[in-house]
């Protein structure tokens, strides 16, 4: 792919390794693994692969090698807090993440020490509200806007169910963003909370069906995805089902079987073929030591967007203050395999850390991604209607 145009310009024609004699740029990575509440090793694997690629083929950060400081979290606030302290001691210039559900323990430490958090999938209000965190995502609030906008435009929806796990950020995103937006757009809304760790969705979807909705959105992921799809089919519910894009992971689709065929998913990557997408595939194939799909696409985006910022900083690449100033000034800045990002704190009102909430919607047909809309859904424009 040497010479092809990707989000940073032209890919180098010849590989160039980082200079091991130069001081490294230390970057932290927090990611949740080995937890029954959710394990996402693919997010770490994708970042590790990207770091190896940057160091071995792109010359590091202006010649300086990237040194990745990894800390695995386990869903507890205490472990995330310990990982944040590890990053302070390692003197990282920034932290990137995969998924860290215990992040309420880490974010205050990062804020106190002026450590930017750049990239990943935010799961807590502390992440989404942080003045020093920057996510190339709309999180669940952005997903809701994409689903609601799509349901209105393509199905003429007038009644919608929003079902969510009983977890603070899901509750707030559902009530204050999903439901508020749907009602502002003229829809009748039914909210259905459910226990966070349930895998029995018969009561949830039975209650949803009683509302006679045109569309159903379930804010759930990982091991919950296939049971939701299968239960929809078992109950014969005809409403359009929307699930988050991580539910379209290959291993989940294999379990769900034909029940996945009518589901619509969201994506924060372009659905058409791009050079950035080809870069992701090649980097994973060449440098990943374990599977790096699913949320690995998001974590690699976060790291490579951070890498582009560090390159632009030149001799100030080791400065947290300079990095914060640069990313806060971003307006329609190119993003790796994603929508251009703007970190003006205004993309979604009240959630200043979400820099790129635009969404694409797709289905899976015979194992292939099929776009369900033309291009991006402009979620900031939808949220602007909340006033």
Protein backbone atom coordinates (compact mmCIF):
# COMPACT_ATOMS: atom_id res chain seq x y z
CA UNK A 1 0.00 0.00 0.00
CA UNK A 2 3.04 2.26 -0.10
CA UNK A 3 2.16 5.58 -1.71
CA UNK A 4 -1.60 5.20 -1.16
CA UNK A 5 -3.51 8.05 0.47
CA UNK A 6 -4.71 7.44 4.00
CA UNK A 7 -5.98 9.85 6.66
CA UNK A 8 -2.49 11.28 7.31
CA UNK A 9 -1.64 11.84 3.67
CA UNK A 10 0.57 9.46 1.71
CA UNK A 11 1.73 6.16 3.16
CA UNK A 12 5.51 5.73 2.93
CA UNK A 13 6.77 3.69 0.02
CA UNK A 14 9.56 2.12 2.07
CA UNK A 15 9.45 0.95 5.67
CA UNK A 16 11.52 2.93 8.15
CA UNK A 17 12.04 1.81 11.72
CA UNK A 18 12.12 4.05 14.76
CA UNK A 19 15.55 4.95 16.19
CA UNK A 20 16.07 2.83 19.33
CA UNK A 21 18.67 5.32 20.57
CA UNK A 22 16.14 8.13 20.87
CA UNK A 23 14.00 8.65 23.97
CA UNK A 24 10.68 6.81 23.59
CA UNK A 25 7.24 8.37 23.59
CA UNK A 26 5.32 6.60 26.34
CA UNK A 27 1.62 5.97 25.75
CA UNK A 28 -0.67 4.20 28.19
CA UNK A 29 -3.41 1.69 27.40
CA UNK A 30 -6.22 0.66 29.75
CA UNK A 31 -8.49 -2.19 28.70
CA UNK A 32 -10.90 -4.54 30.47
CA UNK A 33 -10.18 -8.25 30.17
CA UNK A 34 -10.72 -11.56 31.96
CA UNK A 35 -13.94 -10.38 33.59
CA UNK A 36 -17.33 -12.10 33.48
CA UNK A 37 -18.76 -8.59 33.12
CA UNK A 38 -17.07 -8.26 29.73
CA UNK A 39 -13.67 -9.07 28.30
CA UNK A 40 -12.24 -7.22 25.30
CA UNK A 41 -8.70 -8.47 24.59
CA UNK A 42 -9.15 -7.63 20.91
CA UNK A 43 -8.97 -3.92 21.80
CA UNK A 44 -5.52 -4.37 23.35
CA UNK A 45 -4.37 -6.65 20.54
CA UNK A 46 -5.26 -4.04 17.90
CA UNK A 47 -3.36 -1.25 19.67
CA UNK A 48 -0.33 -3.46 20.23
CA UNK A 49 -0.32 -4.35 16.54
CA UNK A 50 -0.57 -0.69 15.54
CA UNK A 51 2.31 0.25 17.86
CA UNK A 52 4.52 -2.43 16.32
CA UNK A 53 3.63 -1.20 12.83
CA UNK A 54 4.34 2.43 13.70
CA UNK A 55 7.71 1.52 15.21
CA UNK A 56 8.79 -0.90 12.49
CA UNK A 57 7.45 0.78 9.35
CA UNK A 58 6.53 4.42 10.01
CA UNK A 59 9.62 5.50 11.91
CA UNK A 60 7.86 5.93 15.25
CA UNK A 61 7.01 9.49 16.27
CA UNK A 62 9.48 11.57 14.27
CA UNK A 63 12.07 8.87 14.84
CA UNK A 64 11.25 8.22 18.49
CA UNK A 65 9.86 4.76 19.29
CA UNK A 66 6.44 4.45 20.89
CA UNK A 67 6.57 2.57 24.17
CA UNK A 68 3.20 1.15 25.20
CA UNK A 69 2.40 0.86 28.90
CA UNK A 70 -0.46 -1.64 29.23
CA UNK A 71 -2.69 -2.14 32.26
CA UNK A 72 -5.60 -4.60 32.21
CA UNK A 73 -8.70 -3.64 34.21
CA UNK A 74 -11.38 -5.98 35.53
CA UNK A 75 -14.68 -4.02 35.86
CA UNK A 76 -13.81 -2.73 39.35
CA UNK A 77 -13.21 0.91 40.19
CA UNK A 78 -10.28 -0.09 42.38
CA UNK A 79 -8.41 -1.85 39.57
CA UNK A 80 -8.97 1.04 37.16
CA UNK A 81 -7.71 3.43 39.82
CA UNK A 82 -4.57 1.33 40.25
CA UNK A 83 -4.03 1.32 36.49
CA UNK A 84 -4.33 5.11 36.40
CA UNK A 85 -1.69 5.39 39.11
CA UNK A 86 0.53 3.09 37.04
CA UNK A 87 0.22 5.50 34.11
CA UNK A 88 1.18 8.45 36.31
CA UNK A 89 4.28 6.59 37.53
CA UNK A 90 5.18 5.63 33.95
CA UNK A 91 5.00 9.32 32.94
CA UNK A 92 2.92 8.63 29.83
CA UNK A 93 2.14 11.55 27.53
CA UNK A 94 -1.41 10.26 27.00
CA UNK A 95 -3.63 7.26 27.61
CA UNK A 96 -5.71 5.47 25.03
CA UNK A 97 -8.31 2.87 25.89
CA UNK A 98 -10.30 -0.04 24.69
CA UNK A 99 -13.20 -0.42 27.11
CA UNK A 100 -12.88 0.26 30.85
CA UNK A 101 -16.17 -0.02 32.72
CA UNK A 102 -14.43 0.83 36.00
CA UNK A 103 -13.17 4.12 34.57
CA UNK A 104 -14.79 6.22 37.31
CA UNK A 105 -11.73 5.25 39.33
CA UNK A 106 -9.26 6.28 36.63
CA UNK A 107 -10.63 9.48 35.11
CA UNK A 108 -10.20 11.71 38.21
CA UNK A 109 -6.54 10.67 38.45
CA UNK A 110 -5.94 11.47 34.80
CA UNK A 111 -7.61 14.87 35.23
CA UNK A 112 -5.58 15.68 38.35
CA UNK A 113 -2.34 14.87 36.55
CA UNK A 114 -3.18 16.52 33.24
CA UNK A 115 -3.01 13.24 31.30
CA UNK A 116 -5.15 13.32 28.14
CA UNK A 117 -7.32 10.30 27.37
CA UNK A 118 -7.48 9.90 23.58
CA UNK A 119 -9.64 7.24 21.98
CA UNK A 120 -11.54 4.13 22.96
CA UNK A 121 -15.18 3.41 23.76
CA UNK A 122 -16.49 5.46 26.69
CA UNK A 123 -18.87 3.57 28.95
CA UNK A 124 -19.22 5.92 31.94
CA UNK A 125 -20.50 9.46 32.39
CA UNK A 126 -17.14 10.35 33.96
CA UNK A 127 -15.45 9.63 30.63
CA UNK A 128 -18.01 11.39 28.47
CA UNK A 129 -18.09 14.49 30.70
CA UNK A 130 -14.33 14.79 31.24
CA UNK A 131 -12.64 17.98 29.96
CA UNK A 132 -9.43 16.07 29.26
CA UNK A 133 -10.88 13.03 27.44
CA UNK A 134 -11.47 12.83 23.70
CA UNK A 135 -13.34 9.99 22.02
CA UNK A 136 -13.85 9.47 18.30
CA UNK A 137 -17.29 8.12 19.05
CA UNK A 138 -20.81 9.06 20.02
CA UNK A 139 -21.01 6.31 22.64
CA UNK A 140 -24.54 5.06 23.37
CA UNK A 141 -26.06 8.53 23.04
CA UNK A 142 -24.75 8.79 19.47
CA UNK A 143 -25.93 5.28 18.68
CA UNK A 144 -29.44 6.13 19.89
CA UNK A 145 -29.53 9.21 17.65
CA UNK A 146 -28.40 7.19 14.65
CA UNK A 147 -30.98 4.47 15.26
CA UNK A 148 -33.83 6.90 15.91
CA UNK A 149 -33.04 9.03 12.88
CA UNK A 150 -32.82 5.92 10.70
CA UNK A 151 -36.07 4.45 12.04
CA UNK A 152 -37.96 7.66 11.29
CA UNK A 153 -36.51 8.16 7.82
CA UNK A 154 -36.66 4.58 6.57
CA UNK A 155 -39.60 3.05 8.44
CA UNK A 156 -41.74 6.07 9.26
CA UNK A 157 -41.49 5.06 12.91
CA UNK A 158 -43.91 6.67 15.35
CA UNK A 159 -43.46 4.30 18.31
CA UNK A 160 -40.11 3.08 19.62
CA UNK A 161 -38.85 0.95 22.52
CA UNK A 162 -35.52 1.78 24.16
CA UNK A 163 -34.35 -1.09 26.37
CA UNK A 164 -31.20 -0.75 28.44
CA UNK A 165 -29.14 -2.43 31.13
CA UNK A 166 -29.40 -0.90 34.59
CA UNK A 167 -26.05 0.92 34.60
CA UNK A 168 -25.66 4.65 35.18
CA UNK A 169 -24.36 5.67 31.76
CA UNK A 170 -26.89 3.46 29.94
CA UNK A 171 -29.72 4.88 32.04
CA UNK A 172 -28.64 8.50 31.47
CA UNK A 173 -27.98 7.96 27.75
CA UNK A 174 -31.37 6.29 27.32
CA UNK A 175 -33.40 8.78 29.35
CA UNK A 176 -31.66 12.10 28.66
CA UNK A 177 -30.51 11.49 25.08
CA UNK A 178 -32.34 8.61 23.41
CA UNK A 179 -35.81 9.18 24.86
CA UNK A 180 -35.50 12.97 24.90
CA UNK A 181 -34.50 13.03 21.22
CA UNK A 182 -37.20 10.56 20.17
CA UNK A 183 -39.88 12.59 21.94
CA UNK A 184 -38.56 15.84 20.46
CA UNK A 185 -38.93 14.24 17.02
CA UNK A 186 -42.53 13.29 17.73
CA UNK A 187 -42.21 9.59 18.67
CA UNK A 188 -44.02 7.75 21.44
CA UNK A 189 -41.36 6.09 23.60
CA UNK A 190 -41.34 3.11 25.94
CA UNK A 191 -38.32 2.67 28.24
CA UNK A 192 -37.59 -0.84 29.49
CA UNK A 193 -34.70 -1.28 31.95
CA UNK A 194 -33.32 -4.74 32.64
CA UNK A 195 -30.65 -6.26 34.93
CA UNK A 196 -27.21 -5.57 33.51
CA UNK A 197 -26.07 -9.19 33.51
CA UNK A 198 -29.23 -10.89 32.29
CA UNK A 199 -29.17 -13.26 29.33
CA UNK A 200 -32.91 -13.96 29.45
CA UNK A 201 -34.57 -11.37 27.23
CA UNK A 202 -37.98 -13.00 27.06
CA UNK A 203 -39.51 -10.66 29.71
CA UNK A 204 -37.90 -7.58 28.12
CA UNK A 205 -39.00 -8.32 24.57
CA UNK A 206 -42.44 -9.55 25.62
CA UNK A 207 -43.01 -6.19 27.29
CA UNK A 208 -41.59 -4.44 24.22
CA UNK A 209 -43.98 -6.29 21.90
CA UNK A 210 -46.98 -5.25 24.02
CA UNK A 211 -46.19 -1.61 23.15
CA UNK A 212 -46.58 -2.45 19.43
CA UNK A 213 -43.50 -0.47 18.41
CA UNK A 214 -42.15 0.17 14.93
CA UNK A 215 -38.58 -0.16 16.19
CA UNK A 216 -36.76 -1.60 19.18
CA UNK A 217 -33.30 -0.53 20.35
CA UNK A 218 -31.56 -2.66 22.97
CA UNK A 219 -28.49 -1.16 24.62
CA UNK A 220 -26.55 -4.35 25.29
CA UNK A 221 -23.44 -6.03 23.97
CA UNK A 222 -21.13 -9.02 24.20
CA UNK A 223 -22.88 -12.20 25.44
CA UNK A 224 -26.32 -10.54 25.40
CA UNK A 225 -26.42 -9.98 21.64
CA UNK A 226 -27.28 -13.45 20.34
CA UNK A 227 -30.03 -14.11 22.95
CA UNK A 228 -31.70 -10.81 22.01
CA UNK A 229 -31.71 -11.69 18.30
CA UNK A 230 -32.94 -15.22 18.90
CA UNK A 231 -35.70 -14.13 21.28
CA UNK A 232 -36.97 -11.56 18.73
CA UNK A 233 -37.39 -14.39 16.22
CA UNK A 234 -38.93 -16.78 18.75
CA UNK A 235 -41.58 -14.19 19.66
CA UNK A 236 -42.25 -13.31 16.02
CA UNK A 237 -41.77 -9.60 16.67
CA UNK A 238 -41.91 -7.64 13.42
CA UNK A 239 -40.53 -4.32 14.70
CA UNK A 240 -37.10 -3.38 13.41
CA UNK A 241 -34.38 -4.37 15.88
CA UNK A 242 -31.33 -2.15 16.30
CA UNK A 243 -28.19 -3.30 18.15
CA UNK A 244 -24.75 -1.78 18.64
CA UNK A 245 -22.08 -2.67 16.07
CA UNK A 246 -20.10 -4.88 18.45
CA UNK A 247 -23.04 -7.32 18.22
CA UNK A 248 -22.03 -7.90 14.60
CA UNK A 249 -18.78 -9.56 15.62
CA UNK A 250 -18.17 -12.77 13.70
CA UNK A 251 -18.34 -15.04 16.75
CA UNK A 252 -21.69 -13.53 17.80
CA UNK A 253 -23.19 -13.84 14.32
CA UNK A 254 -22.20 -17.51 14.25
CA UNK A 255 -24.19 -18.13 17.44
CA UNK A 256 -27.16 -16.01 16.34
CA UNK A 257 -27.39 -17.69 12.93
CA UNK A 258 -30.31 -16.61 10.76
CA UNK A 259 -31.73 -14.51 13.62
CA UNK A 260 -29.14 -11.84 12.76
CA UNK A 261 -30.37 -11.36 9.21
CA UNK A 262 -32.98 -8.69 9.94
CA UNK A 263 -31.02 -6.76 12.59
CA UNK A 264 -29.55 -3.33 11.91
CA UNK A 265 -26.28 -2.28 13.54
CA UNK A 266 -24.40 0.99 13.94
CA UNK A 267 -20.86 1.74 12.84
CA UNK A 268 -18.50 4.66 13.42
CA UNK A 269 -16.29 3.54 10.54
CA UNK A 270 -17.17 4.14 6.87
CA UNK A 271 -18.96 1.18 5.36
CA UNK A 272 -17.36 1.48 1.92
CA UNK A 273 -13.87 0.17 1.16
CA UNK A 274 -11.13 2.66 2.12
CA UNK A 275 -7.36 2.70 2.34
CA UNK A 276 -7.65 3.09 6.12
CA UNK A 277 -9.73 -0.07 6.29
CA UNK A 278 -7.12 -1.89 4.23
CA UNK A 279 -4.41 -0.59 6.58
CA UNK A 280 -6.31 -2.00 9.55
CA UNK A 281 -6.61 -5.42 7.89
CA UNK A 282 -2.95 -5.51 6.90
CA UNK A 283 -1.64 -4.35 10.28
CA UNK A 284 -3.75 -6.92 12.10
CA UNK A 285 -2.69 -9.70 9.72
CA UNK A 286 1.00 -8.86 9.99
CA UNK A 287 1.44 -7.70 13.57
CA UNK A 288 -1.42 -8.90 15.80
CA UNK A 289 -0.56 -11.87 17.99
CA UNK A 290 -4.22 -12.65 18.75
CA UNK A 291 -7.66 -11.73 17.33
CA UNK A 292 -8.07 -7.96 16.98
CA UNK A 293 -11.51 -7.50 15.40
CA UNK A 294 -14.70 -6.10 16.92
CA UNK A 295 -13.85 -3.22 19.25
CA UNK A 296 -10.27 -3.50 18.03
CA UNK A 297 -11.31 -1.32 15.09
CA UNK A 298 -12.20 1.47 17.53
CA UNK A 299 -9.11 1.11 19.71
CA UNK A 300 -6.81 1.19 16.67
CA UNK A 301 -8.59 4.35 15.49
CA UNK A 302 -7.92 5.94 18.85
CA UNK A 303 -4.24 5.10 18.88
CA UNK A 304 -3.57 6.13 15.28
CA UNK A 305 -5.41 9.42 15.74
CA UNK A 306 -3.21 10.02 18.79
CA UNK A 307 -0.17 9.10 16.71
CA UNK A 308 -1.11 11.68 14.07
CA UNK A 309 -1.39 14.37 16.74
CA UNK A 310 2.00 13.46 18.21
CA UNK A 311 3.59 13.61 14.75
CA UNK A 312 2.21 17.12 14.25
CA UNK A 313 3.59 18.25 17.61
CA UNK A 314 7.13 17.53 16.47
CA UNK A 315 9.59 18.37 19.29
CA UNK A 316 6.62 18.93 21.66
CA UNK A 317 5.38 15.35 21.23
CA UNK A 318 6.24 14.59 24.86
CA UNK A 319 4.19 17.51 26.20
CA UNK A 320 0.75 16.75 27.64
CA UNK A 321 -0.11 20.46 27.59
CA UNK A 322 0.75 20.82 23.90
CA UNK A 323 -1.24 17.70 23.07
CA UNK A 324 -4.30 18.98 24.94
CA UNK A 325 -4.10 22.34 23.16
CA UNK A 326 -3.83 20.67 19.76
CA UNK A 327 -6.71 18.25 20.12
CA UNK A 328 -8.99 20.88 21.66
CA UNK A 329 -8.47 22.95 18.51
CA UNK A 330 -9.56 20.10 16.21
CA UNK A 331 -12.30 21.03 13.73
CA UNK A 332 -13.20 18.45 11.07
CA UNK A 333 -9.79 16.88 11.57
CA UNK A 334 -9.25 13.67 9.54
CA UNK A 335 -9.71 10.52 11.56
CA UNK A 336 -8.34 7.04 10.96
CA UNK A 337 -11.14 4.99 9.40
CA UNK A 338 -13.81 7.25 10.86
CA UNK A 339 -15.74 10.47 10.45
CA UNK A 340 -13.65 13.67 10.76
CA UNK A 341 -13.67 14.84 14.36
CA UNK A 342 -14.34 18.15 16.09
CA UNK A 343 -13.46 18.50 19.78
CA UNK A 344 -15.36 21.73 20.53
CA UNK A 345 -17.33 20.13 23.40
CA UNK A 346 -20.56 20.87 21.48
CA UNK A 347 -21.12 17.79 19.32
CA UNK A 348 -23.53 16.31 21.86
CA UNK A 349 -24.72 18.80 24.49
CA UNK A 350 -23.53 17.85 27.96
CA UNK A 351 -21.08 15.21 26.72
CA UNK A 352 -18.02 17.29 25.79
CA UNK A 353 -15.63 14.35 25.33
CA UNK A 354 -17.49 12.95 22.30
CA UNK A 355 -15.76 14.38 19.24
CA UNK A 356 -17.22 12.24 16.42
CA UNK A 357 -20.76 11.01 17.16
CA UNK A 358 -21.83 10.57 13.52
CA UNK A 359 -23.21 7.11 12.72
CA UNK A 360 -23.55 4.70 9.82
CA UNK A 361 -26.17 1.92 9.83
CA UNK A 362 -25.73 -1.52 8.28
CA UNK A 363 -26.99 -5.08 8.11
CA UNK A 364 -25.20 -8.36 7.56
CA UNK A 365 -26.34 -10.33 4.50
CA UNK A 366 -24.66 -13.68 3.79
CA UNK A 367 -21.71 -12.61 5.89
CA UNK A 368 -21.22 -9.28 4.12
CA UNK A 369 -21.75 -5.73 5.40
CA UNK A 370 -24.61 -4.00 3.55
CA UNK A 371 -25.15 -0.25 4.13
CA UNK A 372 -28.69 0.59 5.27
CA UNK A 373 -28.38 4.31 4.59
CA UNK A 374 -26.56 6.71 2.29
CA UNK A 375 -23.44 7.82 4.13
CA UNK A 376 -23.35 9.27 7.64
CA UNK A 377 -26.27 10.16 9.87
CA UNK A 378 -25.65 13.70 11.16
CA UNK A 379 -26.29 13.07 14.85
CA UNK A 380 -25.10 16.54 16.03
CA UNK A 381 -27.82 18.07 13.82
CA UNK A 382 -30.40 15.75 15.42
CA UNK A 383 -29.31 16.65 18.93
CA UNK A 384 -29.45 20.35 18.03
CA UNK A 385 -33.23 19.92 17.93
CA UNK A 386 -33.27 19.34 21.68
CA UNK A 387 -32.60 23.05 22.13
